[in-house]
């Protein structure tokens, strides 16, 4: 059979056109990337204003968009927030963020400490060795987000506290997401120590809860619940050590005066050690704990395990077991 060979000139032309196409695509990609980066920087003040909300300002000092060629990342020397209406002010260190060009709504970031804040209720300072976040955004705000920190310290001085609160944790992570019309939140901590007591150290802390009908809390601008709201508390678990723990679960409501009402279950392991520790940590709870501890066994609703589970009734911060009053929760 005859064998046909492609002329050398034809192959050369194809190679040249391929090279030209690659160069043109690269130039177009570069121009497009810088155009989008410029748009991000230009629209940043408006975007920050939308996130901050009315009568508030947010700032990203010396903002710069980086990440060429396949990422877009916002870099700032400092971040800040000032809300004139509520009196809340906050300031943090340098911010570094990145999003892949094919998934621009998924943003990962890293923030330098410390982070300081002040408001009408008090002031505080948070610092860490590393703090990273992962956010998935929609046009309306946050769909889900996570924070993960290493070697974090939290110091808060507030009128709602009997003394200045200091917490240290080897690791702390927080998560929030929209779940249809609800908002799910979770917080996990390991190796926790408190300045309230030299012996206030916990192996692990866990908080998992759902706020029914409150998915809009994650929309921009992000804010706290307004008015009365419900909480489905899946669990607050404080693990002191392998033998001592406190777990609280159940639904409750917070009214407009920020008073709590609900019916919850409290599960205690090694109640003597736990009661002594909580009483030392915060005198506000010493009375309630002291009243509960001696009678826990008589109200145990789950037999056959190594823990004591009792139902508590809370009515506008007044706590009782059945008809027996125990005390009042502190206001918040």
C-alpha atoms as a PDB file:
ATOM      1  CA  UNK A   1       0.000   0.000   0.000  1.00  0.00           C
ATOM      2  CA  UNK A   2       1.275   3.529  -0.710  1.00  0.00           C
ATOM      3  CA  UNK A   3       2.555   5.382   2.355  1.00  0.00           C
ATOM      4  CA  UNK A   4       1.759   9.088   2.613  1.00  0.00           C
ATOM      5  CA  UNK A   5       3.910  11.293   4.819  1.00  0.00           C
ATOM      6  CA  UNK A   6       2.833  14.694   6.103  1.00  0.00           C
ATOM      7  CA  UNK A   7       4.994  17.471   4.651  1.00  0.00           C
ATOM      8  CA  UNK A   8       7.458  18.985   7.098  1.00  0.00           C
ATOM      9  CA  UNK A   9       6.110  22.441   6.402  1.00  0.00           C
ATOM     10  CA  UNK A  10       2.583  21.447   7.454  1.00  0.00           C
ATOM     11  CA  UNK A  11       3.837  20.039  10.758  1.00  0.00           C
ATOM     12  CA  UNK A  12       5.787  23.215  11.407  1.00  0.00           C
ATOM     13  CA  UNK A  13       2.750  25.392  10.762  1.00  0.00           C
ATOM     14  CA  UNK A  14       0.654  23.356  13.227  1.00  0.00           C
ATOM     15  CA  UNK A  15       3.334  23.681  15.871  1.00  0.00           C
ATOM     16  CA  UNK A  16       3.533  27.423  15.301  1.00  0.00           C
ATOM     17  CA  UNK A  17      -0.233  27.827  15.556  1.00  0.00           C
ATOM     18  CA  UNK A  18      -0.264  25.722  18.718  1.00  0.00           C
ATOM     19  CA  UNK A  19       2.461  27.891  20.231  1.00  0.00           C
ATOM     20  CA  UNK A  20       0.605  31.041  19.197  1.00  0.00           C
ATOM     21  CA  UNK A  21      -2.604  29.685  20.735  1.00  0.00           C
ATOM     22  CA  UNK A  22      -0.844  28.929  24.012  1.00  0.00           C
ATOM     23  CA  UNK A  23       0.665  32.419  24.128  1.00  0.00           C
ATOM     24  CA  UNK A  24      -2.675  34.078  23.320  1.00  0.00           C
ATOM     25  CA  UNK A  25      -4.455  31.972  25.940  1.00  0.00           C
ATOM     26  CA  UNK A  26      -1.774  32.818  28.502  1.00  0.00           C
ATOM     27  CA  UNK A  27      -2.050  36.535  27.739  1.00  0.00           C
ATOM     28  CA  UNK A  28      -5.858  36.390  27.902  1.00  0.00           C
ATOM     29  CA  UNK A  29      -5.726  34.425  31.182  1.00  0.00           C
ATOM     30  CA  UNK A  30      -3.259  36.917  32.665  1.00  0.00           C
ATOM     31  CA  UNK A  31      -5.374  39.877  31.599  1.00  0.00           C
ATOM     32  CA  UNK A  32      -8.514  38.228  32.921  1.00  0.00           C
ATOM     33  CA  UNK A  33      -6.889  37.354  36.262  1.00  0.00           C
ATOM     34  CA  UNK A  34      -5.665  40.898  36.807  1.00  0.00           C
ATOM     35  CA  UNK A  35      -9.027  42.306  35.740  1.00  0.00           C
ATOM     36  CA  UNK A  36     -10.831  40.159  38.337  1.00  0.00           C
ATOM     37  CA  UNK A  37      -8.208  40.974  41.004  1.00  0.00           C
ATOM     38  CA  UNK A  38      -8.674  44.674  40.319  1.00  0.00           C
ATOM     39  CA  UNK A  39     -12.461  44.281  40.576  1.00  0.00           C
ATOM     40  CA  UNK A  40     -12.074  42.522  43.934  1.00  0.00           C
ATOM     41  CA  UNK A  41      -9.916  45.333  45.289  1.00  0.00           C
ATOM     42  CA  UNK A  42     -12.258  48.010  43.880  1.00  0.00           C
ATOM     43  CA  UNK A  43     -15.403  46.410  45.312  1.00  0.00           C
ATOM     44  CA  UNK A  44     -13.809  45.469  48.645  1.00  0.00           C
ATOM     45  CA  UNK A  45     -15.002  48.564  50.585  1.00  0.00           C
ATOM     46  CA  UNK A  46     -18.610  47.951  49.470  1.00  0.00           C
ATOM     47  CA  UNK A  47     -18.352  44.231  50.280  1.00  0.00           C
ATOM     48  CA  UNK A  48     -16.974  44.979  53.758  1.00  0.00           C
ATOM     49  CA  UNK A  49     -19.756  47.485  54.351  1.00  0.00           C
ATOM     50  CA  UNK A  50     -22.391  44.881  53.419  1.00  0.00           C
ATOM     51  CA  UNK A  51     -20.785  42.359  55.785  1.00  0.00           C
ATOM     52  CA  UNK A  52     -20.528  44.878  58.619  1.00  0.00           C
ATOM     53  CA  UNK A  53     -24.109  46.119  58.308  1.00  0.00           C
ATOM     54  CA  UNK A  54     -25.600  49.560  58.988  1.00  0.00           C
ATOM     55  CA  UNK A  55     -23.854  51.939  61.414  1.00  0.00           C
ATOM     56  CA  UNK A  56     -20.769  49.729  61.364  1.00  0.00           C
ATOM     57  CA  UNK A  57     -17.452  49.711  59.560  1.00  0.00           C
ATOM     58  CA  UNK A  58     -15.030  46.938  58.654  1.00  0.00           C
ATOM     59  CA  UNK A  59     -11.544  47.494  57.325  1.00  0.00           C
ATOM     60  CA  UNK A  60      -8.846  45.407  55.636  1.00  0.00           C
ATOM     61  CA  UNK A  61      -5.687  47.529  55.848  1.00  0.00           C
ATOM     62  CA  UNK A  62      -3.411  47.612  52.785  1.00  0.00           C
ATOM     63  CA  UNK A  63      -5.577  45.086  50.958  1.00  0.00           C
ATOM     64  CA  UNK A  64      -3.879  43.183  48.144  1.00  0.00           C
ATOM     65  CA  UNK A  65      -5.159  40.388  45.905  1.00  0.00           C
ATOM     66  CA  UNK A  66      -2.608  37.645  45.170  1.00  0.00           C
ATOM     67  CA  UNK A  67      -2.481  34.054  43.934  1.00  0.00           C
ATOM     68  CA  UNK A  68      -1.808  34.328  40.201  1.00  0.00           C
ATOM     69  CA  UNK A  69      -2.273  32.208  38.124  1.00  0.00           C
ATOM     70  CA  UNK A  70      -4.799  29.734  39.608  1.00  0.00           C
ATOM     71  CA  UNK A  71      -5.939  31.295  42.876  1.00  0.00           C
ATOM     72  CA  UNK A  72      -7.448  34.490  44.187  1.00  0.00           C
ATOM     73  CA  UNK A  73      -6.423  35.470  47.682  1.00  0.00           C
ATOM     74  CA  UNK A  74      -7.044  38.586  49.759  1.00  0.00           C
ATOM     75  CA  UNK A  75      -4.141  39.692  51.963  1.00  0.00           C
ATOM     76  CA  UNK A  76      -4.417  42.392  54.646  1.00  0.00           C
ATOM     77  CA  UNK A  77      -1.924  43.794  57.143  1.00  0.00           C
ATOM     78  CA  UNK A  78      -4.691  44.182  59.741  1.00  0.00           C
ATOM     79  CA  UNK A  79      -8.455  43.678  60.071  1.00  0.00           C
ATOM     80  CA  UNK A  80     -10.835  45.754  62.190  1.00  0.00           C
ATOM     81  CA  UNK A  81     -14.529  46.205  62.975  1.00  0.00           C
ATOM     82  CA  UNK A  82     -16.338  49.149  64.597  1.00  0.00           C
ATOM     83  CA  UNK A  83     -20.079  49.200  65.351  1.00  0.00           C
ATOM     84  CA  UNK A  84     -21.193  52.609  66.586  1.00  0.00           C
ATOM     85  CA  UNK A  85     -24.687  51.463  67.501  1.00  0.00           C
ATOM     86  CA  UNK A  86     -23.647  48.586  69.753  1.00  0.00           C
ATOM     87  CA  UNK A  87     -20.315  50.047  70.816  1.00  0.00           C
ATOM     88  CA  UNK A  88     -18.480  46.884  69.720  1.00  0.00           C
ATOM     89  CA  UNK A  89     -14.934  47.295  68.456  1.00  0.00           C
ATOM     90  CA  UNK A  90     -12.576  44.518  67.346  1.00  0.00           C
ATOM     91  CA  UNK A  91      -9.142  44.316  65.756  1.00  0.00           C
ATOM     92  CA  UNK A  92      -6.983  41.439  64.539  1.00  0.00           C
ATOM     93  CA  UNK A  93      -3.646  40.856  62.852  1.00  0.00           C
ATOM     94  CA  UNK A  94      -2.662  40.040  59.292  1.00  0.00           C
ATOM     95  CA  UNK A  95      -5.094  38.054  57.121  1.00  0.00           C
ATOM     96  CA  UNK A  96      -4.108  35.662  54.329  1.00  0.00           C
ATOM     97  CA  UNK A  97      -6.806  33.949  52.243  1.00  0.00           C
ATOM     98  CA  UNK A  98      -7.130  31.907  49.067  1.00  0.00           C
ATOM     99  CA  UNK A  99      -9.810  30.447  46.782  1.00  0.00           C
ATOM    100  CA  UNK A 100      -9.352  28.298  43.691  1.00  0.00           C
ATOM    101  CA  UNK A 101     -10.521  29.954  40.462  1.00  0.00           C
ATOM    102  CA  UNK A 102     -12.913  27.056  39.773  1.00  0.00           C
ATOM    103  CA  UNK A 103     -14.447  27.280  43.283  1.00  0.00           C
ATOM    104  CA  UNK A 104     -14.383  30.951  44.267  1.00  0.00           C
ATOM    105  CA  UNK A 105     -17.050  30.569  46.970  1.00  0.00           C
ATOM    106  CA  UNK A 106     -14.855  28.216  49.036  1.00  0.00           C
ATOM    107  CA  UNK A 107     -12.337  30.365  50.887  1.00  0.00           C
ATOM    108  CA  UNK A 108      -9.588  29.167  53.209  1.00  0.00           C
ATOM    109  CA  UNK A 109      -7.737  31.711  55.337  1.00  0.00           C
ATOM    110  CA  UNK A 110      -5.250  32.232  58.125  1.00  0.00           C
ATOM    111  CA  UNK A 111      -5.291  35.064  60.668  1.00  0.00           C
ATOM    112  CA  UNK A 112      -2.463  36.292  62.884  1.00  0.00           C
ATOM    113  CA  UNK A 113      -3.141  37.161  66.491  1.00  0.00           C
ATOM    114  CA  UNK A 114      -3.829  38.751  68.782  1.00  0.00           C
ATOM    115  CA  UNK A 115      -7.521  39.587  68.353  1.00  0.00           C
ATOM    116  CA  UNK A 116      -8.858  42.187  70.780  1.00  0.00           C
ATOM    117  CA  UNK A 117     -12.427  43.373  71.306  1.00  0.00           C
ATOM    118  CA  UNK A 118     -14.367  45.730  73.533  1.00  0.00           C
ATOM    119  CA  UNK A 119     -18.010  46.625  74.002  1.00  0.00           C
ATOM    120  CA  UNK A 120     -20.633  47.688  76.485  1.00  0.00           C
ATOM    121  CA  UNK A 121     -20.524  44.340  78.315  1.00  0.00           C
ATOM    122  CA  UNK A 122     -16.734  44.198  78.650  1.00  0.00           C
ATOM    123  CA  UNK A 123     -13.499  43.565  76.798  1.00  0.00           C
ATOM    124  CA  UNK A 124     -11.239  40.706  75.875  1.00  0.00           C
ATOM    125  CA  UNK A 125      -8.195  39.454  74.053  1.00  0.00           C
ATOM    126  CA  UNK A 126      -7.644  36.219  72.099  1.00  0.00           C
ATOM    127  CA  UNK A 127      -4.274  34.946  70.922  1.00  0.00           C
ATOM    128  CA  UNK A 128      -3.100  31.720  69.292  1.00  0.00           C
ATOM    129  CA  UNK A 129      -0.215  29.915  67.659  1.00  0.00           C
ATOM    130  CA  UNK A 130      -2.264  29.266  64.497  1.00  0.00           C
ATOM    131  CA  UNK A 131      -5.831  30.037  63.444  1.00  0.00           C
ATOM    132  CA  UNK A 132      -7.239  28.740  60.156  1.00  0.00           C
ATOM    133  CA  UNK A 133     -10.720  28.916  58.683  1.00  0.00           C
ATOM    134  CA  UNK A 134     -12.708  27.333  55.859  1.00  0.00           C
ATOM    135  CA  UNK A 135     -15.789  29.170  54.570  1.00  0.00           C
ATOM    136  CA  UNK A 136     -18.369  28.295  51.928  1.00  0.00           C
ATOM    137  CA  UNK A 137     -20.235  31.393  50.850  1.00  0.00           C
ATOM    138  CA  UNK A 138     -23.469  32.096  49.010  1.00  0.00           C
ATOM    139  CA  UNK A 139     -24.874  35.329  47.636  1.00  0.00           C
ATOM    140  CA  UNK A 140     -26.680  35.861  50.956  1.00  0.00           C
ATOM    141  CA  UNK A 141     -23.787  35.094  53.292  1.00  0.00           C
ATOM    142  CA  UNK A 142     -22.289  32.006  54.905  1.00  0.00           C
ATOM    143  CA  UNK A 143     -23.526  28.515  54.054  1.00  0.00           C
ATOM    144  CA  UNK A 144     -21.083  26.767  56.380  1.00  0.00           C
ATOM    145  CA  UNK A 145     -17.825  27.594  58.061  1.00  0.00           C
ATOM    146  CA  UNK A 146     -15.168  26.151  60.350  1.00  0.00           C
ATOM    147  CA  UNK A 147     -12.400  27.559  62.538  1.00  0.00           C
ATOM    148  CA  UNK A 148      -9.484  25.547  63.860  1.00  0.00           C
ATOM    149  CA  UNK A 149      -6.896  26.909  66.281  1.00  0.00           C
ATOM    150  CA  UNK A 150      -3.812  25.606  68.058  1.00  0.00           C
ATOM    151  CA  UNK A 151      -2.534  26.801  71.458  1.00  0.00           C
ATOM    152  CA  UNK A 152      -5.257  29.398  71.922  1.00  0.00           C
ATOM    153  CA  UNK A 153      -5.709  31.703  74.920  1.00  0.00           C
ATOM    154  CA  UNK A 154      -8.880  33.666  75.722  1.00  0.00           C
ATOM    155  CA  UNK A 155      -9.063  36.451  78.332  1.00  0.00           C
ATOM    156  CA  UNK A 156     -12.412  38.158  78.978  1.00  0.00           C
ATOM    157  CA  UNK A 157     -13.432  40.797  81.511  1.00  0.00           C
ATOM    158  CA  UNK A 158     -17.202  41.287  81.547  1.00  0.00           C
ATOM    159  CA  UNK A 159     -19.899  42.628  83.822  1.00  0.00           C
ATOM    160  CA  UNK A 160     -21.663  39.267  83.368  1.00  0.00           C
ATOM    161  CA  UNK A 161     -18.766  37.444  85.069  1.00  0.00           C
ATOM    162  CA  UNK A 162     -17.921  37.396  88.767  1.00  0.00           C
ATOM    163  CA  UNK A 163     -14.195  37.674  87.926  1.00  0.00           C
ATOM    164  CA  UNK A 164     -11.945  37.959  84.912  1.00  0.00           C
ATOM    165  CA  UNK A 165     -12.095  34.781  82.809  1.00  0.00           C
ATOM    166  CA  UNK A 166      -9.011  33.240  81.297  1.00  0.00           C
ATOM    167  CA  UNK A 167      -9.034  30.060  79.221  1.00  0.00           C
ATOM    168  CA  UNK A 168      -6.234  28.164  77.529  1.00  0.00           C
ATOM    169  CA  UNK A 169      -6.690  25.260  75.130  1.00  0.00           C
ATOM    170  CA  UNK A 170      -4.291  23.073  73.217  1.00  0.00           C
ATOM    171  CA  UNK A 171      -6.822  22.985  70.392  1.00  0.00           C
ATOM    172  CA  UNK A 172     -10.170  24.678  69.764  1.00  0.00           C
ATOM    173  CA  UNK A 173     -12.445  24.267  66.740  1.00  0.00           C
ATOM    174  CA  UNK A 174     -15.818  25.825  65.976  1.00  0.00           C
ATOM    175  CA  UNK A 175     -18.310  24.992  63.223  1.00  0.00           C
ATOM    176  CA  UNK A 176     -21.550  26.513  61.919  1.00  0.00           C
ATOM    177  CA  UNK A 177     -23.803  25.600  59.023  1.00  0.00           C
ATOM    178  CA  UNK A 178     -27.250  26.152  57.571  1.00  0.00           C
ATOM    179  CA  UNK A 179     -29.480  23.081  57.805  1.00  0.00           C
ATOM    180  CA  UNK A 180     -32.578  23.986  55.802  1.00  0.00           C
ATOM    181  CA  UNK A 181     -34.187  26.699  57.990  1.00  0.00           C
ATOM    182  CA  UNK A 182     -32.109  25.843  61.061  1.00  0.00           C
ATOM    183  CA  UNK A 183     -28.604  26.755  62.139  1.00  0.00           C
ATOM    184  CA  UNK A 184     -26.300  24.049  63.537  1.00  0.00           C
ATOM    185  CA  UNK A 185     -23.353  25.005  65.729  1.00  0.00           C
ATOM    186  CA  UNK A 186     -20.602  22.939  67.349  1.00  0.00           C
ATOM    187  CA  UNK A 187     -17.531  23.725  69.450  1.00  0.00           C
ATOM    188  CA  UNK A 188     -14.803  21.270  70.474  1.00  0.00           C
ATOM    189  CA  UNK A 189     -11.823  21.889  72.740  1.00  0.00           C
ATOM    190  CA  UNK A 190      -8.965  19.778  74.048  1.00  0.00           C
ATOM    191  CA  UNK A 191      -6.547  20.341  76.934  1.00  0.00           C
ATOM    192  CA  UNK A 192      -8.480  23.214  78.497  1.00  0.00           C
ATOM    193  CA  UNK A 193      -7.296  25.181  81.537  1.00  0.00           C
ATOM    194  CA  UNK A 194      -8.987  28.064  83.319  1.00  0.00           C
ATOM    195  CA  UNK A 195      -7.575  30.865  85.453  1.00  0.00           C
ATOM    196  CA  UNK A 196     -10.641  30.669  87.705  1.00  0.00           C
ATOM    197  CA  UNK A 197      -8.956  27.842  89.591  1.00  0.00           C
ATOM    198  CA  UNK A 198      -5.530  26.230  89.527  1.00  0.00           C
ATOM    199  CA  UNK A 199      -7.281  22.860  89.298  1.00  0.00           C
ATOM    200  CA  UNK A 200      -9.811  23.863  86.635  1.00  0.00           C
ATOM    201  CA  UNK A 201      -8.393  21.712  83.842  1.00  0.00           C
ATOM    202  CA  UNK A 202     -10.475  19.618  81.443  1.00  0.00           C
ATOM    203  CA  UNK A 203      -9.499  16.909  79.006  1.00  0.00           C
ATOM    204  CA  UNK A 204     -12.232  17.840  76.513  1.00  0.00           C
ATOM    205  CA  UNK A 205     -15.161  20.206  76.076  1.00  0.00           C
ATOM    206  CA  UNK A 206     -17.977  19.613  73.564  1.00  0.00           C
ATOM    207  CA  UNK A 207     -20.950  21.796  72.591  1.00  0.00           C
ATOM    208  CA  UNK A 208     -23.427  20.717  69.910  1.00  0.00           C
ATOM    209  CA  UNK A 209     -26.719  22.555  69.354  1.00  0.00           C
ATOM    210  CA  UNK A 210     -29.332  23.524  66.773  1.00  0.00           C
ATOM    211  CA  UNK A 211     -31.171  26.849  66.614  1.00  0.00           C
ATOM    212  CA  UNK A 212     -34.525  26.086  64.903  1.00  0.00           C
ATOM    213  CA  UNK A 213     -35.563  28.605  62.283  1.00  0.00           C
ATOM    214  CA  UNK A 214     -32.390  30.657  62.705  1.00  0.00           C
ATOM    215  CA  UNK A 215     -30.504  29.873  59.472  1.00  0.00           C
ATOM    216  CA  UNK A 216     -30.646  33.593  58.615  1.00  0.00           C
ATOM    217  CA  UNK A 217     -28.154  34.224  61.417  1.00  0.00           C
ATOM    218  CA  UNK A 218     -25.453  33.216  58.929  1.00  0.00           C
ATOM    219  CA  UNK A 219     -26.593  35.723  56.303  1.00  0.00           C
ATOM    220  CA  UNK A 220     -24.655  38.954  55.881  1.00  0.00           C
ATOM    221  CA  UNK A 221     -24.343  40.905  58.034  1.00  0.00           C
ATOM    222  CA  UNK A 222     -23.887  38.075  60.557  1.00  0.00           C
ATOM    223  CA  UNK A 223     -25.562  38.920  63.857  1.00  0.00           C
ATOM    224  CA  UNK A 224     -26.875  37.314  67.003  1.00  0.00           C
ATOM    225  CA  UNK A 225     -30.470  36.157  67.560  1.00  0.00           C
ATOM    226  CA  UNK A 226     -33.007  38.937  67.834  1.00  0.00           C
ATOM    227  CA  UNK A 227     -35.810  38.621  70.397  1.00  0.00           C
ATOM    228  CA  UNK A 228     -36.814  35.248  71.841  1.00  0.00           C
ATOM    229  CA  UNK A 229     -35.432  32.062  70.307  1.00  0.00           C
ATOM    230  CA  UNK A 230     -35.350  28.291  70.852  1.00  0.00           C
ATOM    231  CA  UNK A 231     -32.335  26.026  71.279  1.00  0.00           C
ATOM    232  CA  UNK A 232     -32.119  22.261  70.838  1.00  0.00           C
ATOM    233  CA  UNK A 233     -29.111  21.453  72.949  1.00  0.00           C
ATOM    234  CA  UNK A 234     -27.773  18.122  71.753  1.00  0.00           C
ATOM    235  CA  UNK A 235     -25.131  18.156  74.430  1.00  0.00           C
ATOM    236  CA  UNK A 236     -22.685  20.153  76.450  1.00  0.00           C
ATOM    237  CA  UNK A 237     -20.083  17.657  77.621  1.00  0.00           C
ATOM    238  CA  UNK A 238     -17.317  18.553  80.065  1.00  0.00           C
ATOM    239  CA  UNK A 239     -14.845  15.702  80.530  1.00  0.00           C
ATOM    240  CA  UNK A 240     -12.628  16.427  83.524  1.00  0.00           C
ATOM    241  CA  UNK A 241     -10.772  13.128  83.308  1.00  0.00           C
ATOM    242  CA  UNK A 242     -11.493   9.499  82.478  1.00  0.00           C
ATOM    243  CA  UNK A 243     -13.840   9.110  85.472  1.00  0.00           C
ATOM    244  CA  UNK A 244     -15.420  12.558  85.930  1.00  0.00           C
ATOM    245  CA  UNK A 245     -17.740  14.344  83.512  1.00  0.00           C
ATOM    246  CA  UNK A 246     -20.843  16.516  83.224  1.00  0.00           C
ATOM    247  CA  UNK A 247     -23.281  16.353  80.312  1.00  0.00           C
ATOM    248  CA  UNK A 248     -26.300  18.604  79.724  1.00  0.00           C
ATOM    249  CA  UNK A 249     -28.875  18.100  76.974  1.00  0.00           C
ATOM    250  CA  UNK A 250     -32.428  19.073  76.099  1.00  0.00           C
ATOM    251  CA  UNK A 251     -34.502  21.874  74.563  1.00  0.00           C
ATOM    252  CA  UNK A 252     -34.877  25.311  76.099  1.00  0.00           C
ATOM    253  CA  UNK A 253     -36.003  28.815  75.191  1.00  0.00           C
ATOM    254  CA  UNK A 254     -34.366  32.205  75.690  1.00  0.00           C
ATOM    255  CA  UNK A 255     -36.861  35.055  76.016  1.00  0.00           C
ATOM    256  CA  UNK A 256     -36.404  38.709  75.089  1.00  0.00           C
ATOM    257  CA  UNK A 257     -35.038  39.447  78.563  1.00  0.00           C
ATOM    258  CA  UNK A 258     -32.424  36.694  77.987  1.00  0.00           C
ATOM    259  CA  UNK A 259     -33.947  34.481  80.659  1.00  0.00           C
ATOM    260  CA  UNK A 260     -33.885  30.705  80.114  1.00  0.00           C
ATOM    261  CA  UNK A 261     -36.797  28.274  80.385  1.00  0.00           C
ATOM    262  CA  UNK A 262     -36.765  24.586  79.516  1.00  0.00           C
ATOM    263  CA  UNK A 263     -36.587  20.959  80.628  1.00  0.00           C
ATOM    264  CA  UNK A 264     -33.118  19.458  80.402  1.00  0.00           C
ATOM    265  CA  UNK A 265     -31.278  16.353  81.521  1.00  0.00           C
ATOM    266  CA  UNK A 266     -28.026  16.467  83.479  1.00  0.00           C
ATOM    267  CA  UNK A 267     -25.778  13.396  83.533  1.00  0.00           C
ATOM    268  CA  UNK A 268     -22.965  13.308  86.074  1.00  0.00           C
ATOM    269  CA  UNK A 269     -20.112  10.883  86.568  1.00  0.00           C
ATOM    270  CA  UNK A 270     -18.211  11.080  89.877  1.00  0.00           C
ATOM    271  CA  UNK A 271     -20.484  13.799  91.287  1.00  0.00           C
ATOM    272  CA  UNK A 272     -18.449  14.500  94.425  1.00  0.00           C
ATOM    273  CA  UNK A 273     -15.333  15.541  92.520  1.00  0.00           C
ATOM    274  CA  UNK A 274     -17.363  17.490  89.974  1.00  0.00           C
ATOM    275  CA  UNK A 275     -19.372  19.426  92.571  1.00  0.00           C
ATOM    276  CA  UNK A 276     -16.209  20.453  94.405  1.00  0.00           C
ATOM    277  CA  UNK A 277     -14.516  21.585  91.205  1.00  0.00           C
ATOM    278  CA  UNK A 278     -17.455  23.649  89.891  1.00  0.00           C
ATOM    279  CA  UNK A 279     -17.911  25.312  93.263  1.00  0.00           C
ATOM    280  CA  UNK A 280     -14.270  26.420  93.237  1.00  0.00           C
ATOM    281  CA  UNK A 281     -14.445  27.658  89.663  1.00  0.00           C
ATOM    282  CA  UNK A 282     -17.405  30.022  89.990  1.00  0.00           C
ATOM    283  CA  UNK A 283     -19.091  30.983  93.284  1.00  0.00           C
ATOM    284  CA  UNK A 284     -22.271  31.869  91.333  1.00  0.00           C
ATOM    285  CA  UNK A 285     -22.839  28.162  90.729  1.00  0.00           C
ATOM    286  CA  UNK A 286     -21.649  26.948  94.144  1.00  0.00           C
ATOM    287  CA  UNK A 287     -25.121  27.210  95.733  1.00  0.00           C
ATOM    288  CA  UNK A 288     -26.872  25.296  92.947  1.00  0.00           C
ATOM    289  CA  UNK A 289     -24.199  22.598  92.827  1.00  0.00           C
ATOM    290  CA  UNK A 290     -24.178  22.286  96.598  1.00  0.00           C
ATOM    291  CA  UNK A 291     -27.949  21.791  96.659  1.00  0.00           C
ATOM    292  CA  UNK A 292     -27.971  19.279  93.806  1.00  0.00           C
ATOM    293  CA  UNK A 293     -25.077  17.003  94.778  1.00  0.00           C
ATOM    294  CA  UNK A 294     -26.553  15.334  97.910  1.00  0.00           C
ATOM    295  CA  UNK A 295     -29.862  14.443  96.231  1.00  0.00           C
ATOM    296  CA  UNK A 296     -28.708  13.371  92.790  1.00  0.00           C
ATOM    297  CA  UNK A 297     -28.849   9.646  93.489  1.00  0.00           C
ATOM    298  CA  UNK A 298     -32.494   9.779  94.557  1.00  0.00           C
ATOM    299  CA  UNK A 299     -33.555  11.332  91.244  1.00  0.00           C
ATOM    300  CA  UNK A 300     -31.504   9.116  88.919  1.00  0.00           C
ATOM    301  CA  UNK A 301     -33.673   8.210  85.916  1.00  0.00           C
ATOM    302  CA  UNK A 302     -31.226   5.815  84.231  1.00  0.00           C
ATOM    303  CA  UNK A 303     -30.407   2.763  86.329  1.00  0.00           C
ATOM    304  CA  UNK A 304     -27.597   0.298  85.788  1.00  0.00           C
ATOM    305  CA  UNK A 305     -24.797   2.595  84.578  1.00  0.00           C
ATOM    306  CA  UNK A 306     -21.927   4.364  86.339  1.00  0.00           C
ATOM    307  CA  UNK A 307     -23.553   7.801  85.991  1.00  0.00           C
ATOM    308  CA  UNK A 308     -26.449   9.704  87.521  1.00  0.00           C
ATOM    309  CA  UNK A 309     -29.008  11.310  85.184  1.00  0.00           C
ATOM    310  CA  UNK A 310     -31.513  13.791  86.594  1.00  0.00           C
ATOM    311  CA  UNK A 311     -34.163  15.986  84.935  1.00  0.00           C
ATOM    312  CA  UNK A 312     -33.974  19.713  85.691  1.00  0.00           C
ATOM    313  CA  UNK A 313     -36.723  22.267  85.190  1.00  0.00           C
ATOM    314  CA  UNK A 314     -35.741  25.847  84.408  1.00  0.00           C
ATOM    315  CA  UNK A 315     -38.291  28.653  84.482  1.00  0.00           C
ATOM    316  CA  UNK A 316     -36.933  32.119  83.753  1.00  0.00           C
ATOM    317  CA  UNK A 317     -33.534  31.137  85.178  1.00  0.00           C
ATOM    318  CA  UNK A 318     -35.019  29.503  88.311  1.00  0.00           C
ATOM    319  CA  UNK A 319     -33.754  25.889  88.537  1.00  0.00           C
ATOM    320  CA  UNK A 320     -35.586  23.044  90.275  1.00  0.00           C
ATOM    321  CA  UNK A 321     -35.803  19.251  90.449  1.00  0.00           C
ATOM    322  CA  UNK A 322     -39.523  18.567  90.389  1.00  0.00           C
ATOM    323  CA  UNK A 323     -40.987  20.856  93.072  1.00  0.00           C
ATOM    324  CA  UNK A 324     -37.666  21.306  94.897  1.00  0.00           C
ATOM    325  CA  UNK A 325     -36.050  24.712  94.125  1.00  0.00           C
ATOM    326  CA  UNK A 326     -32.275  24.702  93.663  1.00  0.00           C
ATOM    327  CA  UNK A 327     -31.372  28.296  92.855  1.00  0.00           C
ATOM    328  CA  UNK A 328     -31.063  30.662  89.908  1.00  0.00           C
ATOM    329  CA  UNK A 329     -28.827  30.756  86.890  1.00  0.00           C
ATOM    330  CA  UNK A 330     -26.787  33.976  86.540  1.00  0.00           C
ATOM    331  CA  UNK A 331     -28.083  36.440  83.949  1.00  0.00           C
ATOM    332  CA  UNK A 332     -26.241  36.809  80.638  1.00  0.00           C
END
